[in-house]
PDBML (XML) file of the C-alpha atoms, coordinates in Angstrom:
<?xml version="1.0" encoding="UTF-8" ?>
<PDBx:datablock datablockName="MODEL"
   xmlns:PDBx="http://pdbml.pdb.org/schema/pdbx-v50.xsd"
   xmlns:xsi="http://www.w3.org/2001/XMLSchema-instance"
   xsi:schemaLocation="http://pdbml.pdb.org/schema/pdbx-v50.xsd pdbx-v50.xsd">
   <PDBx:atom_siteCategory>
      <PDBx:atom_site id="1">
         <PDBx:B_iso_or_equiv>0.00</PDBx:B_iso_or_equiv>
         <PDBx:Cartn_x>0.000</PDBx:Cartn_x>
         <PDBx:Cartn_y>0.000</PDBx:Cartn_y>
         <PDBx:Cartn_z>0.000</PDBx:Cartn_z>
         <PDBx:auth_asym_id>A</PDBx:auth_asym_id>
         <PDBx:auth_atom_id>CA</PDBx:auth_atom_id>
         <PDBx:auth_comp_id>GLY</PDBx:auth_comp_id>
         <PDBx:auth_seq_id>1</PDBx:auth_seq_id>
         <PDBx:group_PDB>ATOM</PDBx:group_PDB>
         <PDBx:label_alt_id xsi:nil="true" />
         <PDBx:label_asym_id>A</PDBx:label_asym_id>
         <PDBx:label_atom_id>CA</PDBx:label_atom_id>
         <PDBx:label_comp_id>GLY</PDBx:label_comp_id>
         <PDBx:label_entity_id>1</PDBx:label_entity_id>
         <PDBx:label_seq_id>1</PDBx:label_seq_id>
         <PDBx:occupancy>1.00</PDBx:occupancy>
         <PDBx:pdbx_PDB_model_num>1</PDBx:pdbx_PDB_model_num>
         <PDBx:type_symbol>C</PDBx:type_symbol>
      </PDBx:atom_site>
      <PDBx:atom_site id="2">
         <PDBx:B_iso_or_equiv>0.00</PDBx:B_iso_or_equiv>
         <PDBx:Cartn_x>1.059</PDBx:Cartn_x>
         <PDBx:Cartn_y>3.605</PDBx:Cartn_y>
         <PDBx:Cartn_z>0.472</PDBx:Cartn_z>
         <PDBx:auth_asym_id>A</PDBx:auth_asym_id>
         <PDBx:auth_atom_id>CA</PDBx:auth_atom_id>
         <PDBx:auth_comp_id>LEU</PDBx:auth_comp_id>
         <PDBx:auth_seq_id>2</PDBx:auth_seq_id>
         <PDBx:group_PDB>ATOM</PDBx:group_PDB>
         <PDBx:label_alt_id xsi:nil="true" />
         <PDBx:label_asym_id>A</PDBx:label_asym_id>
         <PDBx:label_atom_id>CA</PDBx:label_atom_id>
         <PDBx:label_comp_id>LEU</PDBx:label_comp_id>
         <PDBx:label_entity_id>1</PDBx:label_entity_id>
         <PDBx:label_seq_id>2</PDBx:label_seq_id>
         <PDBx:occupancy>1.00</PDBx:occupancy>
         <PDBx:pdbx_PDB_model_num>1</PDBx:pdbx_PDB_model_num>
         <PDBx:type_symbol>C</PDBx:type_symbol>
      </PDBx:atom_site>
      <PDBx:atom_site id="3">
         <PDBx:B_iso_or_equiv>0.00</PDBx:B_iso_or_equiv>
         <PDBx:Cartn_x>4.215</PDBx:Cartn_x>
         <PDBx:Cartn_y>3.729</PDBx:Cartn_y>
         <PDBx:Cartn_z>2.562</PDBx:Cartn_z>
         <PDBx:auth_asym_id>A</PDBx:auth_asym_id>
         <PDBx:auth_atom_id>CA</PDBx:auth_atom_id>
         <PDBx:auth_comp_id>GLU</PDBx:auth_comp_id>
         <PDBx:auth_seq_id>3</PDBx:auth_seq_id>
         <PDBx:group_PDB>ATOM</PDBx:group_PDB>
         <PDBx:label_alt_id xsi:nil="true" />
         <PDBx:label_asym_id>A</PDBx:label_asym_id>
         <PDBx:label_atom_id>CA</PDBx:label_atom_id>
         <PDBx:label_comp_id>GLU</PDBx:label_comp_id>
         <PDBx:label_entity_id>1</PDBx:label_entity_id>
         <PDBx:label_seq_id>3</PDBx:label_seq_id>
         <PDBx:occupancy>1.00</PDBx:occupancy>
         <PDBx:pdbx_PDB_model_num>1</PDBx:pdbx_PDB_model_num>
         <PDBx:type_symbol>C</PDBx:type_symbol>
      </PDBx:atom_site>
      <PDBx:atom_site id="4">
         <PDBx:B_iso_or_equiv>0.00</PDBx:B_iso_or_equiv>
         <PDBx:Cartn_x>3.908</PDBx:Cartn_x>
         <PDBx:Cartn_y>5.589</PDBx:Cartn_y>
         <PDBx:Cartn_z>5.862</PDBx:Cartn_z>
         <PDBx:auth_asym_id>A</PDBx:auth_asym_id>
         <PDBx:auth_atom_id>CA</PDBx:auth_atom_id>
         <PDBx:auth_comp_id>ALA</PDBx:auth_comp_id>
         <PDBx:auth_seq_id>4</PDBx:auth_seq_id>
         <PDBx:group_PDB>ATOM</PDBx:group_PDB>
         <PDBx:label_alt_id xsi:nil="true" />
         <PDBx:label_asym_id>A</PDBx:label_asym_id>
         <PDBx:label_atom_id>CA</PDBx:label_atom_id>
         <PDBx:label_comp_id>ALA</PDBx:label_comp_id>
         <PDBx:label_entity_id>1</PDBx:label_entity_id>
         <PDBx:label_seq_id>4</PDBx:label_seq_id>
         <PDBx:occupancy>1.00</PDBx:occupancy>
         <PDBx:pdbx_PDB_model_num>1</PDBx:pdbx_PDB_model_num>
         <PDBx:type_symbol>C</PDBx:type_symbol>
      </PDBx:atom_site>
      <PDBx:atom_site id="5">
         <PDBx:B_iso_or_equiv>0.00</PDBx:B_iso_or_equiv>
         <PDBx:Cartn_x>6.935</PDBx:Cartn_x>
         <PDBx:Cartn_y>6.208</PDBx:Cartn_y>
         <PDBx:Cartn_z>8.052</PDBx:Cartn_z>
         <PDBx:auth_asym_id>A</PDBx:auth_asym_id>
         <PDBx:auth_atom_id>CA</PDBx:auth_atom_id>
         <PDBx:auth_comp_id>LYS</PDBx:auth_comp_id>
         <PDBx:auth_seq_id>5</PDBx:auth_seq_id>
         <PDBx:group_PDB>ATOM</PDBx:group_PDB>
         <PDBx:label_alt_id xsi:nil="true" />
         <PDBx:label_asym_id>A</PDBx:label_asym_id>
         <PDBx:label_atom_id>CA</PDBx:label_atom_id>
         <PDBx:label_comp_id>LYS</PDBx:label_comp_id>
         <PDBx:label_entity_id>1</PDBx:label_entity_id>
         <PDBx:label_seq_id>5</PDBx:label_seq_id>
         <PDBx:occupancy>1.00</PDBx:occupancy>
         <PDBx:pdbx_PDB_model_num>1</PDBx:pdbx_PDB_model_num>
         <PDBx:type_symbol>C</PDBx:type_symbol>
      </PDBx:atom_site>
      <PDBx:atom_site id="6">
         <PDBx:B_iso_or_equiv>0.00</PDBx:B_iso_or_equiv>
         <PDBx:Cartn_x>6.823</PDBx:Cartn_x>
         <PDBx:Cartn_y>7.542</PDBx:Cartn_y>
         <PDBx:Cartn_z>11.605</PDBx:Cartn_z>
         <PDBx:auth_asym_id>A</PDBx:auth_asym_id>
         <PDBx:auth_atom_id>CA</PDBx:auth_atom_id>
         <PDBx:auth_comp_id>ILE</PDBx:auth_comp_id>
         <PDBx:auth_seq_id>6</PDBx:auth_seq_id>
         <PDBx:group_PDB>ATOM</PDBx:group_PDB>
         <PDBx:label_alt_id xsi:nil="true" />
         <PDBx:label_asym_id>A</PDBx:label_asym_id>
         <PDBx:label_atom_id>CA</PDBx:label_atom_id>
         <PDBx:label_comp_id>ILE</PDBx:label_comp_id>
         <PDBx:label_entity_id>1</PDBx:label_entity_id>
         <PDBx:label_seq_id>6</PDBx:label_seq_id>
         <PDBx:occupancy>1.00</PDBx:occupancy>
         <PDBx:pdbx_PDB_model_num>1</PDBx:pdbx_PDB_model_num>
         <PDBx:type_symbol>C</PDBx:type_symbol>
      </PDBx:atom_site>
      <PDBx:atom_site id="7">
         <PDBx:B_iso_or_equiv>0.00</PDBx:B_iso_or_equiv>
         <PDBx:Cartn_x>9.867</PDBx:Cartn_x>
         <PDBx:Cartn_y>8.316</PDBx:Cartn_y>
         <PDBx:Cartn_z>13.722</PDBx:Cartn_z>
         <PDBx:auth_asym_id>A</PDBx:auth_asym_id>
         <PDBx:auth_atom_id>CA</PDBx:auth_atom_id>
         <PDBx:auth_comp_id>ALA</PDBx:auth_comp_id>
         <PDBx:auth_seq_id>7</PDBx:auth_seq_id>
         <PDBx:group_PDB>ATOM</PDBx:group_PDB>
         <PDBx:label_alt_id xsi:nil="true" />
         <PDBx:label_asym_id>A</PDBx:label_asym_id>
         <PDBx:label_atom_id>CA</PDBx:label_atom_id>
         <PDBx:label_comp_id>ALA</PDBx:label_comp_id>
         <PDBx:label_entity_id>1</PDBx:label_entity_id>
         <PDBx:label_seq_id>7</PDBx:label_seq_id>
         <PDBx:occupancy>1.00</PDBx:occupancy>
         <PDBx:pdbx_PDB_model_num>1</PDBx:pdbx_PDB_model_num>
         <PDBx:type_symbol>C</PDBx:type_symbol>
      </PDBx:atom_site>
      <PDBx:atom_site id="8">
         <PDBx:B_iso_or_equiv>0.00</PDBx:B_iso_or_equiv>
         <PDBx:Cartn_x>9.694</PDBx:Cartn_x>
         <PDBx:Cartn_y>9.864</PDBx:Cartn_y>
         <PDBx:Cartn_z>17.168</PDBx:Cartn_z>
         <PDBx:auth_asym_id>A</PDBx:auth_asym_id>
         <PDBx:auth_atom_id>CA</PDBx:auth_atom_id>
         <PDBx:auth_comp_id>SER</PDBx:auth_comp_id>
         <PDBx:auth_seq_id>8</PDBx:auth_seq_id>
         <PDBx:group_PDB>ATOM</PDBx:group_PDB>
         <PDBx:label_alt_id xsi:nil="true" />
         <PDBx:label_asym_id>A</PDBx:label_asym_id>
         <PDBx:label_atom_id>CA</PDBx:label_atom_id>
         <PDBx:label_comp_id>SER</PDBx:label_comp_id>
         <PDBx:label_entity_id>1</PDBx:label_entity_id>
         <PDBx:label_seq_id>8</PDBx:label_seq_id>
         <PDBx:occupancy>1.00</PDBx:occupancy>
         <PDBx:pdbx_PDB_model_num>1</PDBx:pdbx_PDB_model_num>
         <PDBx:type_symbol>C</PDBx:type_symbol>
      </PDBx:atom_site>
      <PDBx:atom_site id="9">
         <PDBx:B_iso_or_equiv>0.00</PDBx:B_iso_or_equiv>
         <PDBx:Cartn_x>11.952</PDBx:Cartn_x>
         <PDBx:Cartn_y>10.782</PDBx:Cartn_y>
         <PDBx:Cartn_z>20.056</PDBx:Cartn_z>
         <PDBx:auth_asym_id>A</PDBx:auth_asym_id>
         <PDBx:auth_atom_id>CA</PDBx:auth_atom_id>
         <PDBx:auth_comp_id>LEU</PDBx:auth_comp_id>
         <PDBx:auth_seq_id>9</PDBx:auth_seq_id>
         <PDBx:group_PDB>ATOM</PDBx:group_PDB>
         <PDBx:label_alt_id xsi:nil="true" />
         <PDBx:label_asym_id>A</PDBx:label_asym_id>
         <PDBx:label_atom_id>CA</PDBx:label_atom_id>
         <PDBx:label_comp_id>LEU</PDBx:label_comp_id>
         <PDBx:label_entity_id>1</PDBx:label_entity_id>
         <PDBx:label_seq_id>9</PDBx:label_seq_id>
         <PDBx:occupancy>1.00</PDBx:occupancy>
         <PDBx:pdbx_PDB_model_num>1</PDBx:pdbx_PDB_model_num>
         <PDBx:type_symbol>C</PDBx:type_symbol>
      </PDBx:atom_site>
      <PDBx:atom_site id="10">
         <PDBx:B_iso_or_equiv>0.00</PDBx:B_iso_or_equiv>
         <PDBx:Cartn_x>10.485</PDBx:Cartn_x>
         <PDBx:Cartn_y>11.283</PDBx:Cartn_y>
         <PDBx:Cartn_z>23.524</PDBx:Cartn_z>
         <PDBx:auth_asym_id>A</PDBx:auth_asym_id>
         <PDBx:auth_atom_id>CA</PDBx:auth_atom_id>
         <PDBx:auth_comp_id>ASN</PDBx:auth_comp_id>
         <PDBx:auth_seq_id>10</PDBx:auth_seq_id>
         <PDBx:group_PDB>ATOM</PDBx:group_PDB>
         <PDBx:label_alt_id xsi:nil="true" />
         <PDBx:label_asym_id>A</PDBx:label_asym_id>
         <PDBx:label_atom_id>CA</PDBx:label_atom_id>
         <PDBx:label_comp_id>ASN</PDBx:label_comp_id>
         <PDBx:label_entity_id>1</PDBx:label_entity_id>
         <PDBx:label_seq_id>10</PDBx:label_seq_id>
         <PDBx:occupancy>1.00</PDBx:occupancy>
         <PDBx:pdbx_PDB_model_num>1</PDBx:pdbx_PDB_model_num>
         <PDBx:type_symbol>C</PDBx:type_symbol>
      </PDBx:atom_site>
      <PDBx:atom_site id="11">
         <PDBx:B_iso_or_equiv>0.00</PDBx:B_iso_or_equiv>
         <PDBx:Cartn_x>12.700</PDBx:Cartn_x>
         <PDBx:Cartn_y>12.724</PDBx:Cartn_y>
         <PDBx:Cartn_z>26.280</PDBx:Cartn_z>
         <PDBx:auth_asym_id>A</PDBx:auth_asym_id>
         <PDBx:auth_atom_id>CA</PDBx:auth_atom_id>
         <PDBx:auth_comp_id>LEU</PDBx:auth_comp_id>
         <PDBx:auth_seq_id>11</PDBx:auth_seq_id>
         <PDBx:group_PDB>ATOM</PDBx:group_PDB>
         <PDBx:label_alt_id xsi:nil="true" />
         <PDBx:label_asym_id>A</PDBx:label_asym_id>
         <PDBx:label_atom_id>CA</PDBx:label_atom_id>
         <PDBx:label_comp_id>LEU</PDBx:label_comp_id>
         <PDBx:label_entity_id>1</PDBx:label_entity_id>
         <PDBx:label_seq_id>11</PDBx:label_seq_id>
         <PDBx:occupancy>1.00</PDBx:occupancy>
         <PDBx:pdbx_PDB_model_num>1</PDBx:pdbx_PDB_model_num>
         <PDBx:type_symbol>C</PDBx:type_symbol>
      </PDBx:atom_site>
      <PDBx:atom_site id="12">
         <PDBx:B_iso_or_equiv>0.00</PDBx:B_iso_or_equiv>
         <PDBx:Cartn_x>11.680</PDBx:Cartn_x>
         <PDBx:Cartn_y>12.959</PDBx:Cartn_y>
         <PDBx:Cartn_z>29.939</PDBx:Cartn_z>
         <PDBx:auth_asym_id>A</PDBx:auth_asym_id>
         <PDBx:auth_atom_id>CA</PDBx:auth_atom_id>
         <PDBx:auth_comp_id>LEU</PDBx:auth_comp_id>
         <PDBx:auth_seq_id>12</PDBx:auth_seq_id>
         <PDBx:group_PDB>ATOM</PDBx:group_PDB>
         <PDBx:label_alt_id xsi:nil="true" />
         <PDBx:label_asym_id>A</PDBx:label_asym_id>
         <PDBx:label_atom_id>CA</PDBx:label_atom_id>
         <PDBx:label_comp_id>LEU</PDBx:label_comp_id>
         <PDBx:label_entity_id>1</PDBx:label_entity_id>
         <PDBx:label_seq_id>12</PDBx:label_seq_id>
         <PDBx:occupancy>1.00</PDBx:occupancy>
         <PDBx:pdbx_PDB_model_num>1</PDBx:pdbx_PDB_model_num>
         <PDBx:type_symbol>C</PDBx:type_symbol>
      </PDBx:atom_site>
      <PDBx:atom_site id="13">
         <PDBx:B_iso_or_equiv>0.00</PDBx:B_iso_or_equiv>
         <PDBx:Cartn_x>13.109</PDBx:Cartn_x>
         <PDBx:Cartn_y>14.441</PDBx:Cartn_y>
         <PDBx:Cartn_z>33.113</PDBx:Cartn_z>
         <PDBx:auth_asym_id>A</PDBx:auth_asym_id>
         <PDBx:auth_atom_id>CA</PDBx:auth_atom_id>
         <PDBx:auth_comp_id>LEU</PDBx:auth_comp_id>
         <PDBx:auth_seq_id>13</PDBx:auth_seq_id>
         <PDBx:group_PDB>ATOM</PDBx:group_PDB>
         <PDBx:label_alt_id xsi:nil="true" />
         <PDBx:label_asym_id>A</PDBx:label_asym_id>
         <PDBx:label_atom_id>CA</PDBx:label_atom_id>
         <PDBx:label_comp_id>LEU</PDBx:label_comp_id>
         <PDBx:label_entity_id>1</PDBx:label_entity_id>
         <PDBx:label_seq_id>13</PDBx:label_seq_id>
         <PDBx:occupancy>1.00</PDBx:occupancy>
         <PDBx:pdbx_PDB_model_num>1</PDBx:pdbx_PDB_model_num>
         <PDBx:type_symbol>C</PDBx:type_symbol>
      </PDBx:atom_site>
      <PDBx:atom_site id="14">
         <PDBx:B_iso_or_equiv>0.00</PDBx:B_iso_or_equiv>
         <PDBx:Cartn_x>10.975</PDBx:Cartn_x>
         <PDBx:Cartn_y>13.541</PDBx:Cartn_y>
         <PDBx:Cartn_z>36.128</PDBx:Cartn_z>
         <PDBx:auth_asym_id>A</PDBx:auth_asym_id>
         <PDBx:auth_atom_id>CA</PDBx:auth_atom_id>
         <PDBx:auth_comp_id>SER</PDBx:auth_comp_id>
         <PDBx:auth_seq_id>14</PDBx:auth_seq_id>
         <PDBx:group_PDB>ATOM</PDBx:group_PDB>
         <PDBx:label_alt_id xsi:nil="true" />
         <PDBx:label_asym_id>A</PDBx:label_asym_id>
         <PDBx:label_atom_id>CA</PDBx:label_atom_id>
         <PDBx:label_comp_id>SER</PDBx:label_comp_id>
         <PDBx:label_entity_id>1</PDBx:label_entity_id>
         <PDBx:label_seq_id>14</PDBx:label_seq_id>
         <PDBx:occupancy>1.00</PDBx:occupancy>
         <PDBx:pdbx_PDB_model_num>1</PDBx:pdbx_PDB_model_num>
         <PDBx:type_symbol>C</PDBx:type_symbol>
      </PDBx:atom_site>
      <PDBx:atom_site id="15">
         <PDBx:B_iso_or_equiv>0.00</PDBx:B_iso_or_equiv>
         <PDBx:Cartn_x>11.687</PDBx:Cartn_x>
         <PDBx:Cartn_y>14.675</PDBx:Cartn_y>
         <PDBx:Cartn_z>39.687</PDBx:Cartn_z>
         <PDBx:auth_asym_id>A</PDBx:auth_asym_id>
         <PDBx:auth_atom_id>CA</PDBx:auth_atom_id>
         <PDBx:auth_comp_id>TYR</PDBx:auth_comp_id>
         <PDBx:auth_seq_id>15</PDBx:auth_seq_id>
         <PDBx:group_PDB>ATOM</PDBx:group_PDB>
         <PDBx:label_alt_id xsi:nil="true" />
         <PDBx:label_asym_id>A</PDBx:label_asym_id>
         <PDBx:label_atom_id>CA</PDBx:label_atom_id>
         <PDBx:label_comp_id>TYR</PDBx:label_comp_id>
         <PDBx:label_entity_id>1</PDBx:label_entity_id>
         <PDBx:label_seq_id>15</PDBx:label_seq_id>
         <PDBx:occupancy>1.00</PDBx:occupancy>
         <PDBx:pdbx_PDB_model_num>1</PDBx:pdbx_PDB_model_num>
         <PDBx:type_symbol>C</PDBx:type_symbol>
      </PDBx:atom_site>
      <PDBx:atom_site id="16">
         <PDBx:B_iso_or_equiv>0.00</PDBx:B_iso_or_equiv>
         <PDBx:Cartn_x>9.736</PDBx:Cartn_x>
         <PDBx:Cartn_y>13.574</PDBx:Cartn_y>
         <PDBx:Cartn_z>42.762</PDBx:Cartn_z>
         <PDBx:auth_asym_id>A</PDBx:auth_asym_id>
         <PDBx:auth_atom_id>CA</PDBx:auth_atom_id>
         <PDBx:auth_comp_id>GLU</PDBx:auth_comp_id>
         <PDBx:auth_seq_id>16</PDBx:auth_seq_id>
         <PDBx:group_PDB>ATOM</PDBx:group_PDB>
         <PDBx:label_alt_id xsi:nil="true" />
         <PDBx:label_asym_id>A</PDBx:label_asym_id>
         <PDBx:label_atom_id>CA</PDBx:label_atom_id>
         <PDBx:label_comp_id>GLU</PDBx:label_comp_id>
         <PDBx:label_entity_id>1</PDBx:label_entity_id>
         <PDBx:label_seq_id>16</PDBx:label_seq_id>
         <PDBx:occupancy>1.00</PDBx:occupancy>
         <PDBx:pdbx_PDB_model_num>1</PDBx:pdbx_PDB_model_num>
         <PDBx:type_symbol>C</PDBx:type_symbol>
      </PDBx:atom_site>
      <PDBx:atom_site id="17">
         <PDBx:B_iso_or_equiv>0.00</PDBx:B_iso_or_equiv>
         <PDBx:Cartn_x>9.200</PDBx:Cartn_x>
         <PDBx:Cartn_y>16.746</PDBx:Cartn_y>
         <PDBx:Cartn_z>44.789</PDBx:Cartn_z>
         <PDBx:auth_asym_id>A</PDBx:auth_asym_id>
         <PDBx:auth_atom_id>CA</PDBx:auth_atom_id>
         <PDBx:auth_comp_id>ILE</PDBx:auth_comp_id>
         <PDBx:auth_seq_id>17</PDBx:auth_seq_id>
         <PDBx:group_PDB>ATOM</PDBx:group_PDB>
         <PDBx:label_alt_id xsi:nil="true" />
         <PDBx:label_asym_id>A</PDBx:label_asym_id>
         <PDBx:label_atom_id>CA</PDBx:label_atom_id>
         <PDBx:label_comp_id>ILE</PDBx:label_comp_id>
         <PDBx:label_entity_id>1</PDBx:label_entity_id>
         <PDBx:label_seq_id>17</PDBx:label_seq_id>
         <PDBx:occupancy>1.00</PDBx:occupancy>
         <PDBx:pdbx_PDB_model_num>1</PDBx:pdbx_PDB_model_num>
         <PDBx:type_symbol>C</PDBx:type_symbol>
      </PDBx:atom_site>
      <PDBx:atom_site id="18">
         <PDBx:B_iso_or_equiv>0.00</PDBx:B_iso_or_equiv>
         <PDBx:Cartn_x>7.280</PDBx:Cartn_x>
         <PDBx:Cartn_y>15.052</PDBx:Cartn_y>
         <PDBx:Cartn_z>47.600</PDBx:Cartn_z>
         <PDBx:auth_asym_id>A</PDBx:auth_asym_id>
         <PDBx:auth_atom_id>CA</PDBx:auth_atom_id>
         <PDBx:auth_comp_id>LYS</PDBx:auth_comp_id>
         <PDBx:auth_seq_id>18</PDBx:auth_seq_id>
         <PDBx:group_PDB>ATOM</PDBx:group_PDB>
         <PDBx:label_alt_id xsi:nil="true" />
         <PDBx:label_asym_id>A</PDBx:label_asym_id>
         <PDBx:label_atom_id>CA</PDBx:label_atom_id>
         <PDBx:label_comp_id>LYS</PDBx:label_comp_id>
         <PDBx:label_entity_id>1</PDBx:label_entity_id>
         <PDBx:label_seq_id>18</PDBx:label_seq_id>
         <PDBx:occupancy>1.00</PDBx:occupancy>
         <PDBx:pdbx_PDB_model_num>1</PDBx:pdbx_PDB_model_num>
         <PDBx:type_symbol>C</PDBx:type_symbol>
      </PDBx:atom_site>
      <PDBx:atom_site id="19">
         <PDBx:B_iso_or_equiv>0.00</PDBx:B_iso_or_equiv>
         <PDBx:Cartn_x>5.949</PDBx:Cartn_x>
         <PDBx:Cartn_y>11.561</PDBx:Cartn_y>
         <PDBx:Cartn_z>48.044</PDBx:Cartn_z>
         <PDBx:auth_asym_id>A</PDBx:auth_asym_id>
         <PDBx:auth_atom_id>CA</PDBx:auth_atom_id>
         <PDBx:auth_comp_id>TYR</PDBx:auth_comp_id>
         <PDBx:auth_seq_id>19</PDBx:auth_seq_id>
         <PDBx:group_PDB>ATOM</PDBx:group_PDB>
         <PDBx:label_alt_id xsi:nil="true" />
         <PDBx:label_asym_id>A</PDBx:label_asym_id>
         <PDBx:label_atom_id>CA</PDBx:label_atom_id>
         <PDBx:label_comp_id>TYR</PDBx:label_comp_id>
         <PDBx:label_entity_id>1</PDBx:label_entity_id>
         <PDBx:label_seq_id>19</PDBx:label_seq_id>
         <PDBx:occupancy>1.00</PDBx:occupancy>
         <PDBx:pdbx_PDB_model_num>1</PDBx:pdbx_PDB_model_num>
         <PDBx:type_symbol>C</PDBx:type_symbol>
      </PDBx:atom_site>
      <PDBx:atom_site id="20">
         <PDBx:B_iso_or_equiv>0.00</PDBx:B_iso_or_equiv>
         <PDBx:Cartn_x>4.234</PDBx:Cartn_x>
         <PDBx:Cartn_y>10.647</PDBx:Cartn_y>
         <PDBx:Cartn_z>44.692</PDBx:Cartn_z>
         <PDBx:auth_asym_id>A</PDBx:auth_asym_id>
         <PDBx:auth_atom_id>CA</PDBx:auth_atom_id>
         <PDBx:auth_comp_id>HIS</PDBx:auth_comp_id>
         <PDBx:auth_seq_id>20</PDBx:auth_seq_id>
         <PDBx:group_PDB>ATOM</PDBx:group_PDB>
         <PDBx:label_alt_id xsi:nil="true" />
         <PDBx:label_asym_id>A</PDBx:label_asym_id>
         <PDBx:label_atom_id>CA</PDBx:label_atom_id>
         <PDBx:label_comp_id>HIS</PDBx:label_comp_id>
         <PDBx:label_entity_id>1</PDBx:label_entity_id>
         <PDBx:label_seq_id>20</PDBx:label_seq_id>
         <PDBx:occupancy>1.00</PDBx:occupancy>
         <PDBx:pdbx_PDB_model_num>1</PDBx:pdbx_PDB_model_num>
         <PDBx:type_symbol>C</PDBx:type_symbol>
      </PDBx:atom_site>
      <PDBx:atom_site id="21">
         <PDBx:B_iso_or_equiv>0.00</PDBx:B_iso_or_equiv>
         <PDBx:Cartn_x>4.229</PDBx:Cartn_x>
         <PDBx:Cartn_y>14.321</PDBx:Cartn_y>
         <PDBx:Cartn_z>43.653</PDBx:Cartn_z>
         <PDBx:auth_asym_id>A</PDBx:auth_asym_id>
         <PDBx:auth_atom_id>CA</PDBx:auth_atom_id>
         <PDBx:auth_comp_id>LEU</PDBx:auth_comp_id>
         <PDBx:auth_seq_id>21</PDBx:auth_seq_id>
         <PDBx:group_PDB>ATOM</PDBx:group_PDB>
         <PDBx:label_alt_id xsi:nil="true" />
         <PDBx:label_asym_id>A</PDBx:label_asym_id>
         <PDBx:label_atom_id>CA</PDBx:label_atom_id>
         <PDBx:label_comp_id>LEU</PDBx:label_comp_id>
         <PDBx:label_entity_id>1</PDBx:label_entity_id>
         <PDBx:label_seq_id>21</PDBx:label_seq_id>
         <PDBx:occupancy>1.00</PDBx:occupancy>
         <PDBx:pdbx_PDB_model_num>1</PDBx:pdbx_PDB_model_num>
         <PDBx:type_symbol>C</PDBx:type_symbol>
      </PDBx:atom_site>
      <PDBx:atom_site id="22">
         <PDBx:B_iso_or_equiv>0.00</PDBx:B_iso_or_equiv>
         <PDBx:Cartn_x>6.251</PDBx:Cartn_x>
         <PDBx:Cartn_y>14.691</PDBx:Cartn_y>
         <PDBx:Cartn_z>40.439</PDBx:Cartn_z>
         <PDBx:auth_asym_id>A</PDBx:auth_asym_id>
         <PDBx:auth_atom_id>CA</PDBx:auth_atom_id>
         <PDBx:auth_comp_id>TYR</PDBx:auth_comp_id>
         <PDBx:auth_seq_id>22</PDBx:auth_seq_id>
         <PDBx:group_PDB>ATOM</PDBx:group_PDB>
         <PDBx:label_alt_id xsi:nil="true" />
         <PDBx:label_asym_id>A</PDBx:label_asym_id>
         <PDBx:label_atom_id>CA</PDBx:label_atom_id>
         <PDBx:label_comp_id>TYR</PDBx:label_comp_id>
         <PDBx:label_entity_id>1</PDBx:label_entity_id>
         <PDBx:label_seq_id>22</PDBx:label_seq_id>
         <PDBx:occupancy>1.00</PDBx:occupancy>
         <PDBx:pdbx_PDB_model_num>1</PDBx:pdbx_PDB_model_num>
         <PDBx:type_symbol>C</PDBx:type_symbol>
      </PDBx:atom_site>
      <PDBx:atom_site id="23">
         <PDBx:B_iso_or_equiv>0.00</PDBx:B_iso_or_equiv>
         <PDBx:Cartn_x>7.470</PDBx:Cartn_x>
         <PDBx:Cartn_y>17.514</PDBx:Cartn_y>
         <PDBx:Cartn_z>38.247</PDBx:Cartn_z>
         <PDBx:auth_asym_id>A</PDBx:auth_asym_id>
         <PDBx:auth_atom_id>CA</PDBx:auth_atom_id>
         <PDBx:auth_comp_id>LEU</PDBx:auth_comp_id>
         <PDBx:auth_seq_id>23</PDBx:auth_seq_id>
         <PDBx:group_PDB>ATOM</PDBx:group_PDB>
         <PDBx:label_alt_id xsi:nil="true" />
         <PDBx:label_asym_id>A</PDBx:label_asym_id>
         <PDBx:label_atom_id>CA</PDBx:label_atom_id>
         <PDBx:label_comp_id>LEU</PDBx:label_comp_id>
         <PDBx:label_entity_id>1</PDBx:label_entity_id>
         <PDBx:label_seq_id>23</PDBx:label_seq_id>
         <PDBx:occupancy>1.00</PDBx:occupancy>
         <PDBx:pdbx_PDB_model_num>1</PDBx:pdbx_PDB_model_num>
         <PDBx:type_symbol>C</PDBx:type_symbol>
      </PDBx:atom_site>
      <PDBx:atom_site id="24">
         <PDBx:B_iso_or_equiv>0.00</PDBx:B_iso_or_equiv>
         <PDBx:Cartn_x>7.872</PDBx:Cartn_x>
         <PDBx:Cartn_y>16.313</PDBx:Cartn_y>
         <PDBx:Cartn_z>34.639</PDBx:Cartn_z>
         <PDBx:auth_asym_id>A</PDBx:auth_asym_id>
         <PDBx:auth_atom_id>CA</PDBx:auth_atom_id>
         <PDBx:auth_comp_id>ASP</PDBx:auth_comp_id>
         <PDBx:auth_seq_id>24</PDBx:auth_seq_id>
         <PDBx:group_PDB>ATOM</PDBx:group_PDB>
         <PDBx:label_alt_id xsi:nil="true" />
         <PDBx:label_asym_id>A</PDBx:label_asym_id>
         <PDBx:label_atom_id>CA</PDBx:label_atom_id>
         <PDBx:label_comp_id>ASP</PDBx:label_comp_id>
         <PDBx:label_entity_id>1</PDBx:label_entity_id>
         <PDBx:label_seq_id>24</PDBx:label_seq_id>
         <PDBx:occupancy>1.00</PDBx:occupancy>
         <PDBx:pdbx_PDB_model_num>1</PDBx:pdbx_PDB_model_num>
         <PDBx:type_symbol>C</PDBx:type_symbol>
      </PDBx:atom_site>
      <PDBx:atom_site id="25">
         <PDBx:B_iso_or_equiv>0.00</PDBx:B_iso_or_equiv>
         <PDBx:Cartn_x>9.712</PDBx:Cartn_x>
         <PDBx:Cartn_y>18.089</PDBx:Cartn_y>
         <PDBx:Cartn_z>31.829</PDBx:Cartn_z>
         <PDBx:auth_asym_id>A</PDBx:auth_asym_id>
         <PDBx:auth_atom_id>CA</PDBx:auth_atom_id>
         <PDBx:auth_comp_id>LEU</PDBx:auth_comp_id>
         <PDBx:auth_seq_id>25</PDBx:auth_seq_id>
         <PDBx:group_PDB>ATOM</PDBx:group_PDB>
         <PDBx:label_alt_id xsi:nil="true" />
         <PDBx:label_asym_id>A</PDBx:label_asym_id>
         <PDBx:label_atom_id>CA</PDBx:label_atom_id>
         <PDBx:label_comp_id>LEU</PDBx:label_comp_id>
         <PDBx:label_entity_id>1</PDBx:label_entity_id>
         <PDBx:label_seq_id>25</PDBx:label_seq_id>
         <PDBx:occupancy>1.00</PDBx:occupancy>
         <PDBx:pdbx_PDB_model_num>1</PDBx:pdbx_PDB_model_num>
         <PDBx:type_symbol>C</PDBx:type_symbol>
      </PDBx:atom_site>
   </PDBx:atom_siteCategory>
</PDBx:datablock>
């Protein structure tokens, strides 16, 4: 069929401020 290409990069920085409270960039 028609060729479809998908490329992705996902970067994460996650810091736990308090118990189970996270700041995600």
